[in-house]
Amino acid sequence: MAALLSTFFPSLTLLVFIWASLIGISRVLLGVHFVTDIVVGAGLGLMCATLAHSITLDLYGMTGIQ
């Protein structure tokens, strides 16, 4: 979510990645996930966001919100 938001709203990049990091840290501190879960999830999220953005560019020529 943070990667997609930062793609379409570049001015929010720092805020959304801090938000996502805090959520990941809270999940570890609460004992719900391991650190590796968070790291792998972040990597998968970034790859999915990049793929979705690439597909959107190819199909619609969209670069972001105009």
C-alpha atoms as a PDB file:
ATOM      1  CA  MET A   1       0.000   0.000   0.000  1.00  0.00           C
ATOM      2  CA  ALA A   2       2.823   2.387   0.871  1.00  0.00           C
ATOM      3  CA  ALA A   3       4.547   1.740  -2.449  1.00  0.00           C
ATOM      4  CA  LEU A   4       1.395   2.419  -4.462  1.00  0.00           C
ATOM      5  CA  LEU A   5       0.543   5.538  -2.487  1.00  0.00           C
ATOM      6  CA  SER A   6       4.052   6.870  -2.978  1.00  0.00           C
ATOM      7  CA  THR A   7       3.798   6.192  -6.711  1.00  0.00           C
ATOM      8  CA  PHE A   8       0.632   8.221  -7.133  1.00  0.00           C
ATOM      9  CA  PHE A   9       1.299  10.790  -4.392  1.00  0.00           C
ATOM     10  CA  PRO A  10       5.083  11.385  -4.331  1.00  0.00           C
ATOM     11  CA  SER A  11       4.780  14.116  -1.702  1.00  0.00           C
ATOM     12  CA  LEU A  12       3.537  11.481   0.794  1.00  0.00           C
ATOM     13  CA  THR A  13       6.389   9.010   0.248  1.00  0.00           C
ATOM     14  CA  LEU A  14       8.223   9.584   3.517  1.00  0.00           C
ATOM     15  CA  LEU A  15       5.023   9.609   5.560  1.00  0.00           C
ATOM     16  CA  VAL A  16       3.579   6.389   4.125  1.00  0.00           C
ATOM     17  CA  PHE A  17       6.829   4.441   4.451  1.00  0.00           C
ATOM     18  CA  ILE A  18       7.230   5.582   8.067  1.00  0.00           C
ATOM     19  CA  TRP A  19       3.622   4.515   8.661  1.00  0.00           C
ATOM     20  CA  ALA A  20       4.233   1.087   7.074  1.00  0.00           C
ATOM     21  CA  SER A  21       7.446   0.613   9.071  1.00  0.00           C
ATOM     22  CA  LEU A  22       5.697   1.436  12.336  1.00  0.00           C
ATOM     23  CA  ILE A  23       2.975  -1.084  11.563  1.00  0.00           C
ATOM     24  CA  GLY A  24       5.622  -3.733  10.840  1.00  0.00           C
ATOM     25  CA  ILE A  25       7.454  -2.974  14.087  1.00  0.00           C
ATOM     26  CA  SER A  26       4.212  -3.128  16.061  1.00  0.00           C
ATOM     27  CA  ARG A  27       3.407  -6.558  14.588  1.00  0.00           C
ATOM     28  CA  VAL A  28       6.775  -7.895  15.758  1.00  0.00           C
ATOM     29  CA  LEU A  29       6.476  -6.292  19.209  1.00  0.00           C
ATOM     30  CA  LEU A  30       3.002  -7.767  19.664  1.00  0.00           C
ATOM     31  CA  GLY A  31       4.381 -11.205  18.813  1.00  0.00           C
ATOM     32  CA  VAL A  32       2.080 -11.659  15.835  1.00  0.00           C
ATOM     33  CA  HIS A  33       4.907 -11.933  13.257  1.00  0.00           C
ATOM     34  CA  PHE A  34       8.632 -12.602  13.063  1.00  0.00           C
ATOM     35  CA  VAL A  35      11.007 -10.016  11.600  1.00  0.00           C
ATOM     36  CA  THR A  36      11.499 -12.243   8.560  1.00  0.00           C
ATOM     37  CA  ASP A  37       7.732 -12.200   7.939  1.00  0.00           C
ATOM     38  CA  ILE A  38       7.800  -8.408   7.831  1.00  0.00           C
ATOM     39  CA  VAL A  39      10.855  -8.225   5.564  1.00  0.00           C
ATOM     40  CA  VAL A  40       9.511 -10.795   3.099  1.00  0.00           C
ATOM     41  CA  GLY A  41       6.073  -9.159   3.143  1.00  0.00           C
ATOM     42  CA  ALA A  42       7.627  -5.760   2.409  1.00  0.00           C
ATOM     43  CA  GLY A  43       9.580  -7.235  -0.487  1.00  0.00           C
ATOM     44  CA  LEU A  44       6.506  -8.927  -1.929  1.00  0.00           C
ATOM     45  CA  GLY A  45       4.514  -5.732  -1.516  1.00  0.00           C
ATOM     46  CA  LEU A  46       7.121  -3.690  -3.361  1.00  0.00           C
ATOM     47  CA  MET A  47       7.293  -6.237  -6.183  1.00  0.00           C
ATOM     48  CA  CYS A  48       3.487  -6.379  -6.519  1.00  0.00           C
ATOM     49  CA  ALA A  49       3.205  -2.587  -6.506  1.00  0.00           C
ATOM     50  CA  THR A  50       5.922  -2.303  -9.150  1.00  0.00           C
ATOM     51  CA  LEU A  51       4.215  -4.931 -11.300  1.00  0.00           C
ATOM     52  CA  ALA A  52       0.806  -3.279 -10.924  1.00  0.00           C
ATOM     53  CA  HIS A  53       2.243   0.115 -11.829  1.00  0.00           C
ATOM     54  CA  SER A  54       4.028  -1.368 -14.844  1.00  0.00           C
ATOM     55  CA  ILE A  55       0.835  -3.048 -16.071  1.00  0.00           C
ATOM     56  CA  THR A  56      -1.114   0.188 -15.589  1.00  0.00           C
ATOM     57  CA  LEU A  57       1.486   2.088 -17.598  1.00  0.00           C
ATOM     58  CA  ASP A  58       1.392  -0.482 -20.413  1.00  0.00           C
ATOM     59  CA  LEU A  59      -2.394  -0.659 -20.614  1.00  0.00           C
ATOM     60  CA  TYR A  60      -3.443   2.896 -19.964  1.00  0.00           C
ATOM     61  CA  GLY A  61      -0.331   5.029 -20.253  1.00  0.00           C
ATOM     62  CA  MET A  62      -0.983   6.354 -16.763  1.00  0.00           C
ATOM     63  CA  THR A  63       1.915   7.798 -14.796  1.00  0.00           C
ATOM     64  CA  GLY A  64      -0.033   8.961 -11.770  1.00  0.00           C
ATOM     65  CA  ILE A  65      -2.909  11.167 -10.845  1.00  0.00           C
ATOM     66  CA  GLN A  66      -3.076  14.212 -13.082  1.00  0.00           C
END
